[in-house]
Amino acid sequence: MPKTLAAEGFSLAIEYYREEDGRWLADIAALPGVTAYGRTKKQVTAAVQALALRLIADRLDHGEALPGPMNVSFIAA
């Protein structure tokens, strides 16, 4: 019977800010540089999650370190 590896997950907290002009800013502190703007909170959430996943994929492609195991979920802070 093949061994099954239990993947331990980690969460990436999304911090939200609202600009004076109404735009939303979302930031993931665990991944420096992962910041996005959007007109709505839903739009900025999708944008910052996509950016985080692109950064993680790029790090994997280049054999660079990641902030934890690969079972990723996002938590709105």
PDB file of N, CA and C in Angstrom:
ATOM      1  N   MET A   1       0.848  -1.179   0.000  1.00  0.00           N
ATOM      2  CA  MET A   1       0.000   0.000   0.000  1.00  0.00           C
ATOM      3  C   MET A   1       0.894   1.244   0.000  1.00  0.00           C
ATOM      4  N   PRO A   2       0.658   2.217  -0.903  1.00  0.00           N
ATOM      5  CA  PRO A   2       1.502   3.412  -0.959  1.00  0.00           C
ATOM      6  C   PRO A   2       1.299   4.287   0.272  1.00  0.00           C
ATOM      7  N   LYS A   3       2.383   4.955   0.623  1.00  0.00           N
ATOM      8  CA  LYS A   3       2.315   5.896   1.747  1.00  0.00           C
ATOM      9  C   LYS A   3       1.600   7.167   1.312  1.00  0.00           C
ATOM     10  N   THR A   4       0.806   7.695   2.202  1.00  0.00           N
ATOM     11  CA  THR A   4       0.149   8.972   1.959  1.00  0.00           C
ATOM     12  C   THR A   4       0.780  10.008   2.866  1.00  0.00           C
ATOM     13  N   LEU A   5       1.229  11.085   2.266  1.00  0.00           N
ATOM     14  CA  LEU A   5       1.814  12.164   3.051  1.00  0.00           C
ATOM     15  C   LEU A   5       0.719  13.148   3.445  1.00  0.00           C
ATOM     16  N   ALA A   6       0.665  13.444   4.705  1.00  0.00           N
ATOM     17  CA  ALA A   6      -0.308  14.431   5.186  1.00  0.00           C
ATOM     18  C   ALA A   6       0.269  15.812   4.954  1.00  0.00           C
ATOM     19  N   ALA A   7      -0.407  16.605   4.165  1.00  0.00           N
ATOM     20  CA  ALA A   7       0.065  17.966   3.898  1.00  0.00           C
ATOM     21  C   ALA A   7      -0.426  18.890   4.999  1.00  0.00           C
ATOM     22  N   GLU A   8       0.502  19.480   5.675  1.00  0.00           N
ATOM     23  CA  GLU A   8       0.137  20.481   6.678  1.00  0.00           C
ATOM     24  C   GLU A   8      -0.021  21.808   5.958  1.00  0.00           C
ATOM     25  N   GLY A   9      -1.077  22.496   6.248  1.00  0.00           N
ATOM     26  CA  GLY A   9      -1.336  23.749   5.561  1.00  0.00           C
ATOM     27  C   GLY A   9      -0.817  24.954   6.306  1.00  0.00           C
ATOM     28  N   PHE A  10      -0.776  26.042   5.623  1.00  0.00           N
ATOM     29  CA  PHE A  10      -0.468  27.314   6.253  1.00  0.00           C
ATOM     30  C   PHE A  10      -1.406  28.343   5.659  1.00  0.00           C
ATOM     31  N   SER A  11      -1.641  29.373   6.380  1.00  0.00           N
ATOM     32  CA  SER A  11      -2.555  30.408   5.931  1.00  0.00           C
ATOM     33  C   SER A  11      -1.802  31.692   5.667  1.00  0.00           C
ATOM     34  N   LEU A  12      -2.256  32.410   4.696  1.00  0.00           N
ATOM     35  CA  LEU A  12      -1.693  33.712   4.373  1.00  0.00           C
ATOM     36  C   LEU A  12      -2.750  34.761   4.711  1.00  0.00           C
ATOM     37  N   ALA A  13      -2.482  35.548   5.716  1.00  0.00           N
ATOM     38  CA  ALA A  13      -3.441  36.560   6.148  1.00  0.00           C
ATOM     39  C   ALA A  13      -3.428  37.747   5.184  1.00  0.00           C
ATOM     40  N   ILE A  14      -4.611  38.149   4.766  1.00  0.00           N
ATOM     41  CA  ILE A  14      -4.762  39.319   3.903  1.00  0.00           C
ATOM     42  C   ILE A  14      -5.195  40.489   4.774  1.00  0.00           C
ATOM     43  N   GLU A  15      -4.438  41.560   4.710  1.00  0.00           N
ATOM     44  CA  GLU A  15      -4.791  42.779   5.441  1.00  0.00           C
ATOM     45  C   GLU A  15      -5.388  43.766   4.444  1.00  0.00           C
ATOM     46  N   TYR A  16      -6.511  44.371   4.823  1.00  0.00           N
ATOM     47  CA  TYR A  16      -7.218  45.301   3.949  1.00  0.00           C
ATOM     48  C   TYR A  16      -7.112  46.727   4.482  1.00  0.00           C
ATOM     49  N   TYR A  17      -7.048  47.664   3.547  1.00  0.00           N
ATOM     50  CA  TYR A  17      -7.044  49.087   3.858  1.00  0.00           C
ATOM     51  C   TYR A  17      -7.938  49.771   2.831  1.00  0.00           C
ATOM     52  N   ARG A  18      -8.576  50.834   3.238  1.00  0.00           N
ATOM     53  CA  ARG A  18      -9.431  51.598   2.312  1.00  0.00           C
ATOM     54  C   ARG A  18      -8.816  52.975   2.124  1.00  0.00           C
ATOM     55  N   GLU A  19      -8.574  53.341   0.887  1.00  0.00           N
ATOM     56  CA  GLU A  19      -8.007  54.646   0.548  1.00  0.00           C
ATOM     57  C   GLU A  19      -9.084  55.727   0.627  1.00  0.00           C
ATOM     58  N   GLU A  20      -8.669  56.975   0.710  1.00  0.00           N
ATOM     59  CA  GLU A  20      -9.623  58.084   0.786  1.00  0.00           C
ATOM     60  C   GLU A  20     -10.500  58.183  -0.458  1.00  0.00           C
ATOM     61  N   ASP A  21      -9.968  57.742  -1.603  1.00  0.00           N
ATOM     62  CA  ASP A  21     -10.743  57.803  -2.849  1.00  0.00           C
ATOM     63  C   ASP A  21     -11.677  56.598  -3.026  1.00  0.00           C
ATOM     64  N   GLY A  22     -11.726  55.702  -2.017  1.00  0.00           N
ATOM     65  CA  GLY A  22     -12.631  54.564  -2.050  1.00  0.00           C
ATOM     66  C   GLY A  22     -12.010  53.263  -2.524  1.00  0.00           C
ATOM     67  N   ARG A  23     -10.809  53.338  -3.111  1.00  0.00           N
ATOM     68  CA  ARG A  23     -10.160  52.109  -3.562  1.00  0.00           C
ATOM     69  C   ARG A  23      -9.739  51.261  -2.373  1.00  0.00           C
ATOM     70  N   TRP A  24      -9.676  49.955  -2.591  1.00  0.00           N
ATOM     71  CA  TRP A  24      -9.221  49.013  -1.581  1.00  0.00           C
ATOM     72  C   TRP A  24      -7.780  48.610  -1.862  1.00  0.00           C
ATOM     73  N   LEU A  25      -7.034  48.406  -0.798  1.00  0.00           N
ATOM     74  CA  LEU A  25      -5.662  47.912  -0.868  1.00  0.00           C
ATOM     75  C   LEU A  25      -5.622  46.631  -0.048  1.00  0.00           C
ATOM     76  N   ALA A  26      -5.033  45.587  -0.607  1.00  0.00           N
ATOM     77  CA  ALA A  26      -4.869  44.330   0.113  1.00  0.00           C
ATOM     78  C   ALA A  26      -3.399  43.967   0.119  1.00  0.00           C
ATOM     79  N   ASP A  27      -2.920  43.462   1.256  1.00  0.00           N
ATOM     80  CA  ASP A  27      -1.507  43.167   1.432  1.00  0.00           C
ATOM     81  C   ASP A  27      -1.363  41.833   2.153  1.00  0.00           C
ATOM     82  N   ILE A  28      -0.368  41.036   1.754  1.00  0.00           N
ATOM     83  CA  ILE A  28      -0.040  39.793   2.450  1.00  0.00           C
ATOM     84  C   ILE A  28       1.358  39.967   3.015  1.00  0.00           C
ATOM     85  N   ALA A  29       1.439  40.231   4.309  1.00  0.00           N
ATOM     86  CA  ALA A  29       2.713  40.547   4.965  1.00  0.00           C
ATOM     87  C   ALA A  29       3.716  39.402   4.889  1.00  0.00           C
ATOM     88  N   ALA A  30       3.243  38.154   4.878  1.00  0.00           N
ATOM     89  CA  ALA A  30       4.147  36.991   4.831  1.00  0.00           C
ATOM     90  C   ALA A  30       4.867  36.880   3.491  1.00  0.00           C
ATOM     91  N   LEU A  31       4.369  37.579   2.484  1.00  0.00           N
ATOM     92  CA  LEU A  31       4.981  37.568   1.153  1.00  0.00           C
ATOM     93  C   LEU A  31       5.283  39.009   0.749  1.00  0.00           C
ATOM     94  N   PRO A  32       6.459  39.509   1.101  1.00  0.00           N
ATOM     95  CA  PRO A  32       6.796  40.903   0.796  1.00  0.00           C
ATOM     96  C   PRO A  32       6.588  41.236  -0.683  1.00  0.00           C
ATOM     97  N   GLY A  33       5.951  42.359  -0.916  1.00  0.00           N
ATOM     98  CA  GLY A  33       5.689  42.804  -2.277  1.00  0.00           C
ATOM     99  C   GLY A  33       4.340  42.362  -2.828  1.00  0.00           C
ATOM    100  N   VAL A  34       3.627  41.500  -2.098  1.00  0.00           N
ATOM    101  CA  VAL A  34       2.321  41.041  -2.568  1.00  0.00           C
ATOM    102  C   VAL A  34       1.269  42.012  -2.041  1.00  0.00           C
ATOM    103  N   THR A  35       0.983  43.004  -2.865  1.00  0.00           N
ATOM    104  CA  THR A  35       0.027  44.063  -2.552  1.00  0.00           C
ATOM    105  C   THR A  35      -0.772  44.345  -3.821  1.00  0.00           C
ATOM    106  N   ALA A  36      -2.055  44.573  -3.680  1.00  0.00           N
ATOM    107  CA  ALA A  36      -2.897  44.850  -4.843  1.00  0.00           C
ATOM    108  C   ALA A  36      -3.918  45.924  -4.502  1.00  0.00           C
ATOM    109  N   TYR A  37      -4.370  46.627  -5.543  1.00  0.00           N
ATOM    110  CA  TYR A  37      -5.437  47.618  -5.435  1.00  0.00           C
ATOM    111  C   TYR A  37      -6.653  47.118  -6.192  1.00  0.00           C
ATOM    112  N   GLY A  38      -7.833  47.563  -5.774  1.00  0.00           N
ATOM    113  CA  GLY A  38      -9.057  47.234  -6.488  1.00  0.00           C
ATOM    114  C   GLY A  38     -10.172  48.191  -6.127  1.00  0.00           C
ATOM    115  N   ARG A  39     -11.200  48.247  -6.979  1.00  0.00           N
ATOM    116  CA  ARG A  39     -12.352  49.122  -6.713  1.00  0.00           C
ATOM    117  C   ARG A  39     -13.231  48.594  -5.605  1.00  0.00           C
ATOM    118  N   THR A  40     -13.312  47.257  -5.509  1.00  0.00           N
ATOM    119  CA  THR A  40     -14.142  46.635  -4.476  1.00  0.00           C
ATOM    120  C   THR A  40     -13.289  45.669  -3.657  1.00  0.00           C
ATOM    121  N   LYS A  41     -13.793  45.309  -2.485  1.00  0.00           N
ATOM    122  CA  LYS A  41     -13.068  44.370  -1.639  1.00  0.00           C
ATOM    123  C   LYS A  41     -12.969  43.002  -2.322  1.00  0.00           C
ATOM    124  N   LYS A  42     -14.018  42.601  -3.007  1.00  0.00           N
ATOM    125  CA  LYS A  42     -14.012  41.330  -3.729  1.00  0.00           C
ATOM    126  C   LYS A  42     -12.949  41.336  -4.833  1.00  0.00           C
ATOM    127  N   GLN A  43     -12.872  42.434  -5.561  1.00  0.00           N
ATOM    128  CA  GLN A  43     -11.906  42.555  -6.654  1.00  0.00           C
ATOM    129  C   GLN A  43     -10.471  42.537  -6.127  1.00  0.00           C
ATOM    130  N   VAL A  44     -10.215  43.253  -5.046  1.00  0.00           N
ATOM    131  CA  VAL A  44      -8.861  43.308  -4.512  1.00  0.00           C
ATOM    132  C   VAL A  44      -8.466  41.979  -3.882  1.00  0.00           C
ATOM    133  N   THR A  45      -9.435  41.255  -3.320  1.00  0.00           N
ATOM    134  CA  THR A  45      -9.149  39.939  -2.750  1.00  0.00           C
ATOM    135  C   THR A  45      -8.691  38.986  -3.855  1.00  0.00           C
ATOM    136  N   ALA A  46      -9.418  38.963  -4.962  1.00  0.00           N
ATOM    137  CA  ALA A  46      -9.044  38.095  -6.080  1.00  0.00           C
ATOM    138  C   ALA A  46      -7.671  38.469  -6.631  1.00  0.00           C
ATOM    139  N   ALA A  47      -7.405  39.762  -6.728  1.00  0.00           N
ATOM    140  CA  ALA A  47      -6.129  40.224  -7.276  1.00  0.00           C
ATOM    141  C   ALA A  47      -4.953  39.845  -6.382  1.00  0.00           C
ATOM    142  N   VAL A  48      -5.087  40.017  -5.076  1.00  0.00           N
ATOM    143  CA  VAL A  48      -3.974  39.717  -4.175  1.00  0.00           C
ATOM    144  C   VAL A  48      -3.757  38.207  -4.061  1.00  0.00           C
ATOM    145  N   GLN A  49      -4.838  37.425  -4.116  1.00  0.00           N
ATOM    146  CA  GLN A  49      -4.682  35.968  -4.094  1.00  0.00           C
ATOM    147  C   GLN A  49      -3.968  35.488  -5.354  1.00  0.00           C
ATOM    148  N   ALA A  50      -4.345  36.020  -6.505  1.00  0.00           N
ATOM    149  CA  ALA A  50      -3.699  35.642  -7.766  1.00  0.00           C
ATOM    150  C   ALA A  50      -2.219  36.010  -7.743  1.00  0.00           C
ATOM    151  N   LEU A  51      -1.900  37.192  -7.234  1.00  0.00           N
ATOM    152  CA  LEU A  51      -0.506  37.628  -7.151  1.00  0.00           C
ATOM    153  C   LEU A  51       0.296  36.724  -6.226  1.00  0.00           C
ATOM    154  N   ALA A  52      -0.292  36.355  -5.086  1.00  0.00           N
ATOM    155  CA  ALA A  52       0.387  35.463  -4.140  1.00  0.00           C
ATOM    156  C   ALA A  52       0.671  34.109  -4.781  1.00  0.00           C
ATOM    157  N   LEU A  53      -0.305  33.571  -5.497  1.00  0.00           N
ATOM    158  CA  LEU A  53      -0.119  32.273  -6.147  1.00  0.00           C
ATOM    159  C   LEU A  53       0.933  32.344  -7.241  1.00  0.00           C
ATOM    160  N   ARG A  54       0.986  33.462  -7.974  1.00  0.00           N
ATOM    161  CA  ARG A  54       2.032  33.635  -8.991  1.00  0.00           C
ATOM    162  C   ARG A  54       3.414  33.682  -8.350  1.00  0.00           C
ATOM    163  N   LEU A  55       3.523  34.387  -7.225  1.00  0.00           N
ATOM    164  CA  LEU A  55       4.808  34.467  -6.524  1.00  0.00           C
ATOM    165  C   LEU A  55       5.236  33.088  -6.030  1.00  0.00           C
ATOM    166  N   ILE A  56       4.316  32.332  -5.456  1.00  0.00           N
ATOM    167  CA  ILE A  56       4.624  30.991  -4.963  1.00  0.00           C
ATOM    168  C   ILE A  56       5.056  30.092  -6.125  1.00  0.00           C
ATOM    169  N   ALA A  57       4.336  30.162  -7.242  1.00  0.00           N
ATOM    170  CA  ALA A  57       4.693  29.353  -8.414  1.00  0.00           C
ATOM    171  C   ALA A  57       6.075  29.733  -8.931  1.00  0.00           C
ATOM    172  N   ASP A  58       6.375  31.019  -8.963  1.00  0.00           N
ATOM    173  CA  ASP A  58       7.685  31.480  -9.424  1.00  0.00           C
ATOM    174  C   ASP A  58       8.798  30.965  -8.506  1.00  0.00           C
ATOM    175  N   ARG A  59       8.558  31.020  -7.205  1.00  0.00           N
ATOM    176  CA  ARG A  59       9.555  30.509  -6.259  1.00  0.00           C
ATOM    177  C   ARG A  59       9.772  29.008  -6.448  1.00  0.00           C
ATOM    178  N   LEU A  60       8.694  28.270  -6.682  1.00  0.00           N
ATOM    179  CA  LEU A  60       8.821  26.833  -6.939  1.00  0.00           C
ATOM    180  C   LEU A  60       9.628  26.580  -8.210  1.00  0.00           C
ATOM    181  N   ASP A  61       9.331  27.348  -9.267  1.00  0.00           N
ATOM    182  CA  ASP A  61      10.055  27.200 -10.532  1.00  0.00           C
ATOM    183  C   ASP A  61      11.552  27.421 -10.373  1.00  0.00           C
ATOM    184  N   HIS A  62      11.922  28.311  -9.459  1.00  0.00           N
ATOM    185  CA  HIS A  62      13.333  28.658  -9.271  1.00  0.00           C
ATOM    186  C   HIS A  62      13.973  27.982  -8.063  1.00  0.00           C
ATOM    187  N   GLY A  63      13.254  27.059  -7.438  1.00  0.00           N
ATOM    188  CA  GLY A  63      13.805  26.321  -6.305  1.00  0.00           C
ATOM    189  C   GLY A  63      14.046  27.172  -5.067  1.00  0.00           C
ATOM    190  N   GLU A  64      13.295  28.245  -4.921  1.00  0.00           N
ATOM    191  CA  GLU A  64      13.458  29.138  -3.774  1.00  0.00           C
ATOM    192  C   GLU A  64      12.582  28.698  -2.605  1.00  0.00           C
ATOM    193  N   ALA A  65      12.903  29.188  -1.428  1.00  0.00           N
ATOM    194  CA  ALA A  65      12.178  28.834  -0.204  1.00  0.00           C
ATOM    195  C   ALA A  65      10.767  29.421  -0.216  1.00  0.00           C
ATOM    196  N   LEU A  66       9.859  28.686   0.408  1.00  0.00           N
ATOM    197  CA  LEU A  66       8.475  29.122   0.581  1.00  0.00           C
ATOM    198  C   LEU A  66       8.204  29.326   2.067  1.00  0.00           C
ATOM    199  N   PRO A  67       7.152  30.093   2.408  1.00  0.00           N
ATOM    200  CA  PRO A  67       6.874  30.340   3.817  1.00  0.00           C
ATOM    201  C   PRO A  67       6.235  29.168   4.547  1.00  0.00           C
ATOM    202  N   GLY A  68       6.096  27.999   3.941  1.00  0.00           N
ATOM    203  CA  GLY A  68       5.507  26.850   4.620  1.00  0.00           C
ATOM    204  C   GLY A  68       5.118  25.779   3.628  1.00  0.00           C
ATOM    205  N   PRO A  69       4.421  24.726   4.082  1.00  0.00           N
ATOM    206  CA  PRO A  69       3.965  23.663   3.176  1.00  0.00           C
ATOM    207  C   PRO A  69       3.020  24.205   2.104  1.00  0.00           C
ATOM    208  N   MET A  70       2.711  23.427   1.119  1.00  0.00           N
ATOM    209  CA  MET A  70       2.006  23.937  -0.052  1.00  0.00           C
ATOM    210  C   MET A  70       0.485  23.862  -0.031  1.00  0.00           C
ATOM    211  N   ASN A  71      -0.142  23.537   1.062  1.00  0.00           N
ATOM    212  CA  ASN A  71      -1.594  23.561   1.130  1.00  0.00           C
ATOM    213  C   ASN A  71      -2.007  24.976   1.533  1.00  0.00           C
ATOM    214  N   VAL A  72      -2.292  25.830   0.559  1.00  0.00           N
ATOM    215  CA  VAL A  72      -2.503  27.259   0.794  1.00  0.00           C
ATOM    216  C   VAL A  72      -3.983  27.595   0.951  1.00  0.00           C
ATOM    217  N   SER A  73      -4.293  28.374   1.974  1.00  0.00           N
ATOM    218  CA  SER A  73      -5.620  28.965   2.098  1.00  0.00           C
ATOM    219  C   SER A  73      -5.429  30.410   2.495  1.00  0.00           C
ATOM    220  N   PHE A  74      -6.414  31.239   2.209  1.00  0.00           N
ATOM    221  CA  PHE A  74      -6.338  32.661   2.501  1.00  0.00           C
ATOM    222  C   PHE A  74      -7.333  33.004   3.599  1.00  0.00           C
ATOM    223  N   ILE A  75      -6.925  33.886   4.500  1.00  0.00           N
ATOM    224  CA  ILE A  75      -7.770  34.327   5.604  1.00  0.00           C
ATOM    225  C   ILE A  75      -7.870  35.838   5.553  1.00  0.00           C
ATOM    226  N   ALA A  76      -9.056  36.351   5.510  1.00  0.00           N
ATOM    227  CA  ALA A  76      -9.248  37.794   5.543  1.00  0.00           C
ATOM    228  C   ALA A  76      -9.058  38.290   6.965  1.00  0.00           C
ATOM    229  N   ALA A  77      -8.127  39.210   7.147  1.00  0.00           N
ATOM    230  CA  ALA A  77      -7.834  39.723   8.487  1.00  0.00           C
ATOM    231  C   ALA A  77      -8.658  40.945   8.788  1.00  0.00           C
TER     232      ALA A  77
END
